[in-house]
C-alpha cells in the first residue's frame, strides 16, 4: 500500500486512487 508515497508526492497519485480508498 503506497500510503507514504501518496503523502510525499500527491501529484503523482491519480484522483482515482483516492476514490478507491472511500
PDB file of N, CA and C in Angstrom:
ATOM      1  N   UNK A   1       0.845  -1.205   0.000  1.00  0.00           N
ATOM      2  CA  UNK A   1       0.000   0.000   0.000  1.00  0.00           C
ATOM      3  C   UNK A   1       0.876   1.250   0.000  1.00  0.00           C
ATOM      4  N   UNK A   2       0.682   2.112  -0.989  1.00  0.00           N
ATOM      5  CA  UNK A   2       1.552   3.288  -1.120  1.00  0.00           C
ATOM      6  C   UNK A   2       0.975   4.479  -0.346  1.00  0.00           C
ATOM      7  N   UNK A   3       1.018   4.372   0.961  1.00  0.00           N
ATOM      8  CA  UNK A   3       0.481   5.460   1.785  1.00  0.00           C
ATOM      9  C   UNK A   3       1.505   6.583   1.907  1.00  0.00           C
ATOM     10  N   UNK A   4       2.752   6.201   2.192  1.00  0.00           N
ATOM     11  CA  UNK A   4       3.820   7.190   2.361  1.00  0.00           C
ATOM     12  C   UNK A   4       4.070   7.931   1.050  1.00  0.00           C
ATOM     13  N   UNK A   5       4.084   7.190  -0.049  1.00  0.00           N
ATOM     14  CA  UNK A   5       4.349   7.803  -1.352  1.00  0.00           C
ATOM     15  C   UNK A   5       3.263   8.832  -1.687  1.00  0.00           C
ATOM     16  N   UNK A   6       2.042   8.543  -1.263  1.00  0.00           N
ATOM     17  CA  UNK A   6       0.938   9.453  -1.552  1.00  0.00           C
ATOM     18  C   UNK A   6       1.113  10.762  -0.803  1.00  0.00           C
ATOM     19  N   UNK A   7       1.594  10.663   0.438  1.00  0.00           N
ATOM     20  CA  UNK A   7       1.778  11.875   1.246  1.00  0.00           C
ATOM     21  C   UNK A   7       2.986  12.676   0.759  1.00  0.00           C
ATOM     22  N   UNK A   8       3.991  11.975   0.283  1.00  0.00           N
ATOM     23  CA  UNK A   8       5.214  12.650  -0.168  1.00  0.00           C
ATOM     24  C   UNK A   8       5.012  13.319  -1.531  1.00  0.00           C
ATOM     25  N   UNK A   9       4.277  12.671  -2.405  1.00  0.00           N
ATOM     26  CA  UNK A   9       4.064  13.245  -3.740  1.00  0.00           C
ATOM     27  C   UNK A   9       2.640  12.977  -4.212  1.00  0.00           C
ATOM     28  N   UNK A  10       1.676  13.703  -3.692  1.00  0.00           N
ATOM     29  CA  UNK A  10       0.265  13.516  -4.047  1.00  0.00           C
ATOM     30  C   UNK A  10      -0.004  13.805  -5.524  1.00  0.00           C
ATOM     31  N   UNK A  11       0.837  14.641  -6.115  1.00  0.00           N
ATOM     32  CA  UNK A  11       0.626  14.988  -7.520  1.00  0.00           C
ATOM     33  C   UNK A  11       0.853  13.782  -8.428  1.00  0.00           C
ATOM     34  N   UNK A  12       1.668  12.832  -7.948  1.00  0.00           N
ATOM     35  CA  UNK A  12       1.960  11.668  -8.781  1.00  0.00           C
ATOM     36  C   UNK A  12       0.843  10.622  -8.669  1.00  0.00           C
ATOM     37  N   UNK A  13      -0.036  10.815  -7.692  1.00  0.00           N
ATOM     38  CA  UNK A  13      -1.122   9.854  -7.497  1.00  0.00           C
ATOM     39  C   UNK A  13      -2.390  10.362  -8.186  1.00  0.00           C
ATOM     40  N   UNK A  14      -3.002   9.541  -9.036  1.00  0.00           N
ATOM     41  CA  UNK A  14      -4.225   9.930  -9.749  1.00  0.00           C
ATOM     42  C   UNK A  14      -5.398  10.085  -8.785  1.00  0.00           C
ATOM     43  N   UNK A  15      -6.355  10.914  -9.147  1.00  0.00           N
ATOM     44  CA  UNK A  15      -7.515  11.150  -8.284  1.00  0.00           C
ATOM     45  C   UNK A  15      -8.299   9.865  -8.059  1.00  0.00           C
ATOM     46  N   UNK A  16      -8.241   8.949  -9.037  1.00  0.00           N
ATOM     47  CA  UNK A  16      -8.969   7.683  -8.920  1.00  0.00           C
ATOM     48  C   UNK A  16      -8.452   6.866  -7.743  1.00  0.00           C
ATOM     49  N   UNK A  17      -7.185   7.065  -7.406  1.00  0.00           N
ATOM     50  CA  UNK A  17      -6.595   6.308  -6.299  1.00  0.00           C
ATOM     51  C   UNK A  17      -7.298   6.653  -4.991  1.00  0.00           C
ATOM     52  N   UNK A  18      -7.557   7.940  -4.780  1.00  0.00           N
ATOM     53  CA  UNK A  18      -8.232   8.373  -3.556  1.00  0.00           C
ATOM     54  C   UNK A  18      -9.683   7.920  -3.552  1.00  0.00           C
ATOM     55  N   UNK A  19     -10.290   7.864  -4.712  1.00  0.00           N
ATOM     56  CA  UNK A  19     -11.686   7.437  -4.804  1.00  0.00           C
ATOM     57  C   UNK A  19     -11.821   5.973  -4.403  1.00  0.00           C
ATOM     58  N   UNK A  20     -10.784   5.187  -4.676  1.00  0.00           N
ATOM     59  CA  UNK A  20     -10.817   3.767  -4.312  1.00  0.00           C
ATOM     60  C   UNK A  20     -10.714   3.590  -2.803  1.00  0.00           C
ATOM     61  N   UNK A  21     -10.114   4.568  -2.127  1.00  0.00           N
ATOM     62  CA  UNK A  21      -9.952   4.464  -0.676  1.00  0.00           C
ATOM     63  C   UNK A  21     -11.294   4.632   0.030  1.00  0.00           C
ATOM     64  N   UNK A  22     -12.207   5.353  -0.597  1.00  0.00           N
ATOM     65  CA  UNK A  22     -13.518   5.590   0.033  1.00  0.00           C
ATOM     66  C   UNK A  22     -14.309   4.298   0.143  1.00  0.00           C
TER      67      UNK A  22
END
